[in-house]
Amino acid sequence: MGGDKLEKIVDAARMYYQLDYSQQDIAKKLGVSRPTVSRFLQQAKEEGIVQIKIMDPTENKELLASQLEEKFKLKKAVVASVPEYEDHIVKKYIGEAAAEYLHEVVKDGDTIAMTWGTTLYEVAVHLPNKLVKDVTVVQLNGGVSYSETNTYASEIIHLFGNAYNTTPHLLPLPAIVDHAVVKQAIEADRHIRKILEIGKRANIAVFTVGVPSEDSVLIKANYFSESDLEIIHAKGAGDICSRFIDLEGQVCSEELNLRTIGIDLAELRTKEKSILVAGGMKKVEAIYGVIKGNYTNTLITDQFTAEHLLAYAEEQTK
């Protein structure tokens, strides 16, 4: 192939594939006919000058989901494709995926218990209405903030109630109190005890995992003293249902645990569907801790987190 012709083929390929020129515009630029440009582009592919690679996100998602299920012995994994690995974008896409999954699996007579926070809010706002009978919706843990920080607890449970045409059972309490005796007194109230019992009986639990960073809703809600925060930052990989766990899934502080209002973590292991909705680079270790503690049998995440989680688990076995 002559040098001048090869140069024109490369120029045509660059203009068409990289600069989005039309074939007619390329013809004018190169001083050739439009059919000649078409032949140049075809030849560019045949000669390997242009190589087209199609990435099928569906295929990749399914492969990652099956790898997660096999590696972590999960009943179900759902992997959402996200265009960017930014926290707010990840939350939106995994929230949509979780809402779609719930729409598929929720059936007549189910009791759905959920926690709160920005990830669960994305699940709630994307929930489509479903015509089901006798569905119960209940809050898993207290969510009233001591500060102006919005935990979205009330909005989330009402959106779930609307989606399944039921009146939700709200737990209008803080997540954590200052003393264990205060928690005991609160949970002794028959109305509160009734709501907590509904949460225990729920066959579906939907929750996320937080990390002890400056943007943690739980920390910004001003639940913790300085001594609490020292323990959390020293030992905590993440929190589920307002209870902090380490990398092995063990509760970080029994004293703090005894002051937390809501479901005991061990009860998550008994659920028919214990659904963890979480993603983002910061949450890989926290998700790993939840899995190690056997608190989830269903994981909904994004493709980047799935890859990092599998790699992280592999490192832990070395």
Protein backbone atom coordinates (compact mmCIF):
# COMPACT_ATOMS: atom_id res chain seq x y z
CA MET A 1 0.00 0.00 0.00
CA GLY A 2 1.38 3.38 -1.04
CA GLY A 3 2.38 5.85 1.65
CA ASP A 4 -0.01 8.54 0.40
CA LYS A 5 -2.97 6.14 0.34
CA LEU A 6 -2.12 4.74 3.80
CA GLU A 7 -1.89 8.27 5.17
CA LYS A 8 -5.35 9.06 3.76
CA ILE A 9 -6.81 5.88 5.26
CA VAL A 10 -5.41 6.77 8.70
CA ASP A 11 -6.63 10.37 8.38
CA ALA A 12 -10.09 9.19 7.35
CA ALA A 13 -10.23 6.78 10.29
CA ARG A 14 -9.16 9.47 12.76
CA MET A 15 -11.72 11.96 11.47
CA TYR A 16 -14.54 9.41 11.43
CA TYR A 17 -13.95 7.52 14.69
CA GLN A 18 -12.24 10.14 16.87
CA LEU A 19 -13.55 13.47 15.59
CA ASP A 20 -17.07 12.36 14.53
CA TYR A 21 -16.80 13.80 11.02
CA SER A 22 -19.38 12.59 8.49
CA GLN A 23 -18.12 10.64 5.47
CA GLN A 24 -19.15 13.55 3.24
CA ASP A 25 -17.06 16.00 5.31
CA ILE A 26 -14.08 13.64 5.20
CA ALA A 27 -14.41 13.37 1.41
CA LYS A 28 -14.18 17.16 1.10
CA LYS A 29 -11.17 17.32 3.44
CA LEU A 30 -9.27 14.62 1.57
CA GLY A 31 -10.39 15.60 -1.95
CA VAL A 32 -11.90 12.19 -2.72
CA SER A 33 -15.41 10.83 -3.27
CA ARG A 34 -17.69 9.68 -0.42
CA PRO A 35 -17.61 6.01 -1.65
CA THR A 36 -13.81 6.21 -1.52
CA VAL A 37 -14.01 7.30 2.13
CA SER A 38 -16.30 4.35 2.82
CA ARG A 39 -13.72 2.01 1.25
CA PHE A 40 -10.94 3.66 3.28
CA LEU A 41 -12.84 3.01 6.53
CA GLN A 42 -13.56 -0.60 5.60
CA GLN A 43 -9.90 -1.14 4.71
CA ALA A 44 -8.83 0.47 7.99
CA LYS A 45 -10.78 -2.25 9.84
CA GLU A 46 -9.50 -5.05 7.60
CA GLU A 47 -5.87 -3.95 8.04
CA GLY A 48 -6.23 -3.64 11.81
CA ILE A 49 -5.68 0.13 11.76
CA VAL A 50 -9.08 0.46 13.43
CA GLN A 51 -10.02 -2.14 16.04
CA ILE A 52 -13.55 -2.04 17.41
CA LYS A 53 -14.11 -3.54 20.84
CA ILE A 54 -17.66 -3.91 22.15
CA MET A 55 -18.02 -4.10 25.92
CA ASP A 56 -21.26 -5.77 26.93
CA PRO A 57 -22.11 -4.40 30.41
CA THR A 58 -24.86 -7.00 30.84
CA GLU A 59 -22.46 -9.88 30.30
CA ASN A 60 -19.93 -8.37 32.71
CA LYS A 61 -22.61 -7.77 35.34
CA GLU A 62 -23.85 -11.33 35.17
CA LEU A 63 -20.33 -12.73 35.43
CA LEU A 64 -19.50 -10.54 38.43
CA ALA A 65 -22.79 -11.44 40.10
CA SER A 66 -22.10 -15.17 39.73
CA GLN A 67 -18.55 -14.69 41.05
CA LEU A 68 -19.88 -12.85 44.11
CA GLU A 69 -22.47 -15.57 44.75
CA GLU A 70 -19.87 -18.32 44.51
CA LYS A 71 -17.12 -16.55 46.48
CA PHE A 72 -19.31 -15.39 49.36
CA LYS A 73 -21.98 -18.14 49.33
CA LEU A 74 -24.76 -15.63 48.66
CA LYS A 75 -28.28 -16.57 47.65
CA LYS A 76 -28.34 -13.67 45.21
CA ALA A 77 -26.06 -10.91 43.91
CA VAL A 78 -27.19 -8.05 41.69
CA VAL A 79 -24.56 -5.87 40.00
CA ALA A 80 -25.59 -2.48 38.61
CA SER A 81 -23.59 -0.79 35.84
CA VAL A 82 -22.56 2.70 36.89
CA PRO A 83 -21.02 5.21 34.45
CA GLU A 84 -18.78 6.87 37.07
CA TYR A 85 -17.36 5.71 40.38
CA GLU A 86 -18.64 8.71 42.34
CA ASP A 87 -20.56 8.10 45.56
CA HIS A 88 -23.74 9.97 44.63
CA ILE A 89 -23.86 8.30 41.21
CA VAL A 90 -23.22 4.84 42.68
CA LYS A 91 -26.02 5.34 45.22
CA LYS A 92 -28.48 6.34 42.52
CA TYR A 93 -27.77 3.35 40.28
CA ILE A 94 -27.64 0.71 43.02
CA GLY A 95 -30.78 2.28 44.52
CA GLU A 96 -32.55 1.77 41.19
CA ALA A 97 -31.27 -1.82 40.98
CA ALA A 98 -32.45 -2.59 44.51
CA ALA A 99 -35.87 -1.08 43.80
CA GLU A 100 -36.21 -3.25 40.68
CA TYR A 101 -35.15 -6.35 42.60
CA LEU A 102 -37.67 -5.67 45.38
CA HIS A 103 -40.40 -5.13 42.80
CA GLU A 104 -39.64 -8.60 41.44
CA VAL A 105 -39.51 -10.49 44.73
CA VAL A 106 -42.01 -8.85 47.12
CA LYS A 107 -45.16 -10.94 47.34
CA ASP A 108 -48.44 -11.06 49.26
CA GLY A 109 -48.00 -11.35 53.01
CA ASP A 110 -44.35 -10.25 53.14
CA THR A 111 -43.03 -8.13 56.00
CA ILE A 112 -40.30 -5.74 54.83
CA ALA A 113 -38.04 -4.10 57.39
CA MET A 114 -35.61 -1.37 56.40
CA THR A 115 -33.05 0.95 57.85
CA TRP A 116 -32.37 4.54 56.70
CA GLY A 117 -29.73 6.82 55.16
CA THR A 118 -28.92 8.25 51.74
CA THR A 119 -28.50 4.88 49.98
CA LEU A 120 -31.84 3.56 51.26
CA TYR A 121 -33.44 6.86 50.26
CA GLU A 122 -32.37 6.18 46.65
CA VAL A 123 -33.97 2.74 46.90
CA ALA A 124 -37.20 4.24 48.27
CA VAL A 125 -37.58 7.01 45.68
CA HIS A 126 -37.19 4.52 42.83
CA LEU A 127 -39.62 1.92 44.18
CA PRO A 128 -42.44 1.31 41.68
CA ASN A 129 -45.92 0.65 43.06
CA LYS A 130 -46.84 -3.02 43.24
CA LEU A 131 -50.32 -4.49 43.71
CA VAL A 132 -49.75 -6.87 46.62
CA LYS A 133 -51.91 -7.82 49.57
CA ASP A 134 -51.16 -7.80 53.29
CA VAL A 135 -47.62 -6.47 53.04
CA THR A 136 -46.20 -4.97 56.24
CA VAL A 137 -43.51 -2.28 56.24
CA VAL A 138 -41.52 -1.53 59.40
CA GLN A 139 -38.43 0.44 60.38
CA LEU A 140 -35.48 -1.65 61.60
CA ASN A 141 -33.78 0.88 63.87
CA GLY A 142 -34.22 4.32 65.35
CA GLY A 143 -33.50 7.21 63.02
CA VAL A 144 -34.38 10.48 64.78
CA SER A 145 -31.32 12.72 64.61
CA TYR A 146 -29.93 14.77 67.50
CA SER A 147 -28.84 17.39 64.95
CA GLU A 148 -30.22 18.98 61.80
CA THR A 149 -28.81 16.12 59.71
CA ASN A 150 -31.57 14.34 57.80
CA THR A 151 -31.47 10.55 58.18
CA TYR A 152 -34.40 10.23 55.71
CA ALA A 153 -35.94 7.67 58.09
CA SER A 154 -39.47 9.04 57.88
CA GLU A 155 -39.37 9.65 54.11
CA ILE A 156 -38.02 6.18 53.39
CA ILE A 157 -40.58 4.23 55.35
CA HIS A 158 -43.48 6.26 53.97
CA LEU A 159 -42.24 5.76 50.40
CA PHE A 160 -42.03 2.00 51.06
CA GLY A 161 -45.53 2.10 52.52
CA ASN A 162 -46.87 3.93 49.45
CA ALA A 163 -45.20 1.47 47.05
CA TYR A 164 -46.91 -1.49 48.70
CA ASN A 165 -50.16 0.28 49.62
CA THR A 166 -49.77 -0.18 53.37
CA THR A 167 -49.50 1.95 56.49
CA PRO A 168 -45.88 1.77 57.70
CA HIS A 169 -44.72 1.13 61.25
CA LEU A 170 -42.34 3.97 62.13
CA LEU A 171 -39.84 3.78 65.00
CA PRO A 172 -39.79 7.45 66.09
CA LEU A 173 -36.68 7.18 68.24
CA PRO A 174 -32.99 8.02 68.12
CA ALA A 175 -30.71 5.25 66.87
CA ILE A 176 -28.46 5.43 69.93
CA VAL A 177 -29.06 6.79 73.44
CA ASP A 178 -26.56 7.82 76.11
CA HIS A 179 -27.14 4.98 78.56
CA ALA A 180 -28.14 1.33 78.29
CA VAL A 181 -30.79 1.79 80.99
CA VAL A 182 -32.47 4.44 78.82
CA LYS A 183 -32.65 1.97 75.95
CA GLN A 184 -34.08 -0.70 78.24
CA ALA A 185 -36.77 1.66 79.48
CA ILE A 186 -37.70 2.72 75.93
CA GLU A 187 -37.89 -0.84 74.65
CA ALA A 188 -40.02 -1.84 77.64
CA ASP A 189 -42.83 0.38 76.30
CA ARG A 190 -45.47 -1.93 74.81
CA HIS A 191 -45.95 0.19 71.67
CA ILE A 192 -42.23 0.29 70.93
CA ARG A 193 -41.89 -3.40 71.76
CA LYS A 194 -44.64 -4.21 69.26
CA ILE A 195 -42.82 -2.40 66.43
CA LEU A 196 -39.52 -4.08 67.32
CA GLU A 197 -41.25 -7.47 67.29
CA ILE A 198 -42.57 -6.81 63.78
CA GLY A 199 -39.00 -6.07 62.69
CA LYS A 200 -37.81 -9.35 64.20
CA ARG A 201 -40.52 -11.29 62.35
CA ALA A 202 -39.84 -9.61 59.00
CA ASN A 203 -38.87 -12.07 56.27
CA ILE A 204 -37.19 -9.33 54.19
CA ALA A 205 -34.62 -6.89 55.60
CA VAL A 206 -33.19 -4.08 53.45
CA PHE A 207 -30.17 -2.23 54.80
CA THR A 208 -26.92 -0.57 53.85
CA VAL A 209 -23.52 -0.26 55.48
CA GLY A 210 -21.95 3.03 56.47
CA VAL A 211 -18.31 3.84 57.14
CA PRO A 212 -16.95 5.99 59.99
CA SER A 213 -15.91 8.95 57.82
CA GLU A 214 -16.70 12.66 58.04
CA ASP A 215 -19.67 12.27 55.68
CA SER A 216 -21.29 9.43 57.66
CA VAL A 217 -24.95 10.24 58.29
CA LEU A 218 -24.75 8.38 61.60
CA ILE A 219 -21.76 10.42 62.81
CA LYS A 220 -23.14 13.72 61.49
CA ALA A 221 -26.40 12.98 63.34
CA ASN A 222 -24.42 13.64 66.55
CA TYR A 223 -25.12 10.34 68.30
CA PHE A 224 -21.60 9.81 69.63
CA SER A 225 -19.40 11.18 72.38
CA GLU A 226 -15.67 11.71 71.82
CA SER A 227 -14.89 8.41 73.57
CA ASP A 228 -17.43 6.63 71.33
CA LEU A 229 -15.76 8.05 68.24
CA GLU A 230 -12.31 6.93 69.41
CA ILE A 231 -13.53 3.33 69.61
CA ILE A 232 -15.36 3.59 66.28
CA HIS A 233 -12.36 5.00 64.41
CA ALA A 234 -9.96 2.52 66.01
CA LYS A 235 -11.96 -0.66 65.43
CA GLY A 236 -14.92 0.01 63.15
CA ALA A 237 -14.97 -1.10 59.51
CA GLY A 238 -18.59 -0.03 59.12
CA ASP A 239 -22.05 0.13 60.65
CA ILE A 240 -25.23 -1.76 59.86
CA CYS A 241 -28.50 -0.85 61.55
CA SER A 242 -26.47 1.69 63.58
CA ARG A 243 -24.23 -1.03 65.05
CA PHE A 244 -20.51 -0.85 64.30
CA ILE A 245 -18.65 -3.98 63.24
CA ASP A 246 -15.03 -4.82 62.46
CA LEU A 247 -13.57 -6.61 59.42
CA GLU A 248 -14.61 -9.97 60.85
CA GLY A 249 -18.19 -8.82 61.36
CA GLN A 250 -17.87 -8.66 65.13
CA VAL A 251 -19.49 -5.83 67.11
CA CYS A 252 -16.79 -3.25 67.94
CA SER A 253 -18.11 -2.10 71.31
CA GLU A 254 -20.57 -4.03 73.43
CA GLU A 255 -21.21 -0.94 75.54
CA LEU A 256 -22.22 1.04 72.45
CA ASN A 257 -24.21 -1.91 71.16
CA LEU A 258 -26.25 -1.99 74.38
CA ARG A 259 -27.26 1.64 73.81
CA THR A 260 -28.48 1.06 70.23
CA ILE A 261 -32.20 0.83 69.55
CA GLY A 262 -33.34 -1.61 66.90
CA ILE A 263 -32.82 -5.08 65.55
CA ASP A 264 -29.94 -7.18 66.91
CA LEU A 265 -27.51 -8.04 64.12
CA ALA A 266 -27.81 -11.78 64.75
CA GLU A 267 -31.46 -11.53 63.70
CA LEU A 268 -30.40 -10.51 60.18
CA ARG A 269 -28.98 -14.01 59.70
CA THR A 270 -32.44 -15.54 60.08
CA LYS A 271 -34.15 -13.55 57.32
CA GLU A 272 -35.39 -15.19 54.14
CA LYS A 273 -33.88 -12.23 52.28
CA SER A 274 -31.28 -10.14 54.06
CA ILE A 275 -30.52 -7.52 51.41
CA LEU A 276 -27.39 -5.38 51.63
CA VAL A 277 -27.44 -2.40 49.26
CA ALA A 278 -23.99 -0.80 49.19
CA GLY A 279 -21.30 0.45 46.84
CA GLY A 280 -18.36 2.81 46.55
CA MET A 281 -14.60 2.49 47.07
CA LYS A 282 -14.83 3.57 50.73
CA LYS A 283 -17.23 0.76 51.53
CA VAL A 284 -15.34 -2.28 50.25
CA GLU A 285 -13.92 -3.26 53.66
CA ALA A 286 -17.24 -2.54 55.40
CA ILE A 287 -19.12 -4.74 52.90
CA TYR A 288 -16.53 -7.46 53.46
CA GLY A 289 -17.16 -7.23 57.23
CA VAL A 290 -20.92 -7.58 56.72
CA ILE A 291 -20.38 -10.67 54.57
CA LYS A 292 -17.88 -12.18 57.04
CA GLY A 293 -20.45 -11.72 59.80
CA ASN A 294 -23.04 -13.60 57.69
CA TYR A 295 -25.49 -10.72 58.05
CA THR A 296 -26.45 -10.69 54.36
CA ASN A 297 -27.51 -13.35 51.88
CA THR A 298 -28.31 -10.89 49.07
CA LEU A 299 -25.90 -8.20 47.85
CA ILE A 300 -26.78 -5.34 45.52
CA THR A 301 -23.76 -3.33 44.42
CA ASP A 302 -22.03 -1.84 41.35
CA GLN A 303 -19.47 -3.34 38.99
CA PHE A 304 -16.48 -1.40 40.37
CA THR A 305 -17.21 -2.31 43.98
CA ALA A 306 -17.83 -5.92 42.97
CA GLU A 307 -14.40 -6.12 41.33
CA HIS A 308 -12.64 -4.46 44.28
CA LEU A 309 -14.51 -6.67 46.77
CA LEU A 310 -13.47 -9.86 44.98
CA ALA A 311 -9.87 -8.64 44.81
CA TYR A 312 -9.91 -7.64 48.48
CA ALA A 313 -11.26 -11.06 49.51
CA GLU A 314 -8.51 -12.73 47.49
CA GLU A 315 -5.87 -10.66 49.32
CA GLN A 316 -7.26 -11.72 52.70
CA THR A 317 -6.68 -15.39 51.87
CA LYS A 318 -2.99 -14.93 51.03
